[in-house]
Protein backbone atom coordinates (compact mmCIF):
# COMPACT_ATOMS: atom_id res chain seq x y z
CA ASP A 1 109.24 256.54 -125.60
CA ASP A 2 111.47 259.05 -127.40
CA GLN A 3 111.95 261.36 -124.42
CA THR A 4 113.16 258.48 -122.28
CA LYS A 5 115.61 257.38 -124.98
CA VAL A 6 116.99 260.93 -125.31
CA ALA A 7 117.34 261.30 -121.52
CA THR A 8 119.02 257.89 -121.22
CA SER A 9 121.41 258.69 -124.05
CA ARG A 10 122.38 262.04 -122.53
CA LEU A 11 122.91 260.53 -119.09
CA SER A 12 125.07 257.76 -120.54
CA ALA A 13 127.16 260.32 -122.41
CA ARG A 14 127.70 262.31 -119.19
CA PHE A 15 128.80 259.19 -117.35
CA ARG A 16 131.29 258.39 -120.13
CA VAL A 17 132.75 261.90 -119.82
CA LEU A 18 133.01 261.56 -116.03
CA PHE A 19 134.60 258.12 -116.23
CA ASP A 20 137.14 259.38 -118.76
CA TYR A 21 137.87 262.47 -116.64
CA THR A 22 138.54 260.37 -113.56
CA LYS A 23 140.68 257.98 -115.60
CA VAL A 24 138.41 254.99 -114.96
CA SER A 25 137.22 254.71 -118.53
CA ASN A 26 136.76 250.93 -118.14
CA MET A 27 133.97 251.58 -115.58
CA THR A 28 130.37 251.53 -116.74
CA GLU A 29 126.99 252.67 -115.48
CA HIS A 30 126.26 248.99 -114.88
CA ASP A 31 129.21 248.87 -112.46
CA LEU A 32 127.76 251.78 -110.49
CA ARG A 33 124.32 250.18 -110.45
CA HIS A 34 125.80 246.93 -109.16
CA GLU A 35 127.82 248.71 -106.45
CA ALA A 36 124.82 250.76 -105.31
CA THR A 37 122.64 247.68 -105.07
CA CYS A 38 125.25 245.78 -103.06
CA ARG A 39 125.66 248.69 -100.66
CA TRP A 40 121.91 249.18 -100.22
CA VAL A 41 121.47 245.47 -99.47
CA LEU A 42 124.13 245.65 -96.74
CA MET A 43 123.20 249.02 -95.18
CA ARG A 44 122.12 248.80 -91.55
CA GLN A 45 120.66 251.37 -89.17
CA PRO A 46 122.50 252.05 -85.89
CA SER A 47 119.87 249.88 -84.20
CA GLY A 48 120.88 246.98 -86.46
CA GLY A 49 117.78 247.00 -88.66
CA TRP A 50 117.94 247.14 -92.40
CA VAL A 51 117.90 250.60 -93.98
CA PHE A 52 116.05 249.36 -97.07
CA SER A 53 113.86 246.31 -97.52
CA ASP A 54 114.26 244.11 -100.58
CA VAL A 55 111.02 245.52 -101.97
CA GLU A 56 112.26 249.10 -101.50
CA ILE A 57 115.52 248.33 -103.28
CA CYS A 58 113.57 246.82 -106.16
CA ARG A 59 111.41 249.93 -106.38
CA ILE A 60 114.47 252.22 -106.34
CA MET A 61 116.09 250.22 -109.13
CA GLY A 62 112.88 249.84 -111.15
CA TRP A 63 112.66 246.06 -110.85
CA SER A 64 109.36 244.24 -110.57
CA SER A 65 110.91 241.13 -109.00
CA THR A 66 113.36 240.48 -106.17
CA VAL A 67 115.06 237.92 -108.41
CA MET A 68 116.86 240.78 -110.15
CA MET A 69 118.03 242.19 -106.81
CA LEU A 70 119.53 238.84 -105.87
CA THR A 71 121.38 238.79 -109.18
CA TYR A 72 122.93 242.20 -108.52
CA ALA A 73 123.57 241.73 -104.81
CA SER A 74 126.68 239.61 -105.01
CA LEU A 75 127.50 239.41 -101.33
CA ARG A 76 131.07 238.59 -100.38
CA GLY A 77 131.65 235.47 -98.30
CA GLU A 78 133.55 237.46 -95.67
CA ASP A 79 130.57 239.80 -95.20
CA LEU A 80 128.21 236.87 -94.71
CA ALA A 81 130.65 235.18 -92.32
CA ALA A 82 130.95 238.35 -90.22
CA ARG A 83 127.17 238.48 -89.85
CA LEU A 84 127.12 234.90 -88.56
CA LEU A 85 129.38 235.75 -85.62
């Protein structure tokens, strides 16, 4: 709807200003979204359990399928290897 488009446009403009101010103008909102998803996927509680389930991450990000989460959660090989030890 129109209100959503206006809000999205304003938020995007604010991010552009912030990225320019911090001299990382080549960064995008997509980059932040990707980074947040990767971090949420890897976050663990002190007890070792996951902080967020895959379903919770999908809800936070507004996805209806975990397929999208797997696309964003590009896990580094070294992180996976460390978990296998």
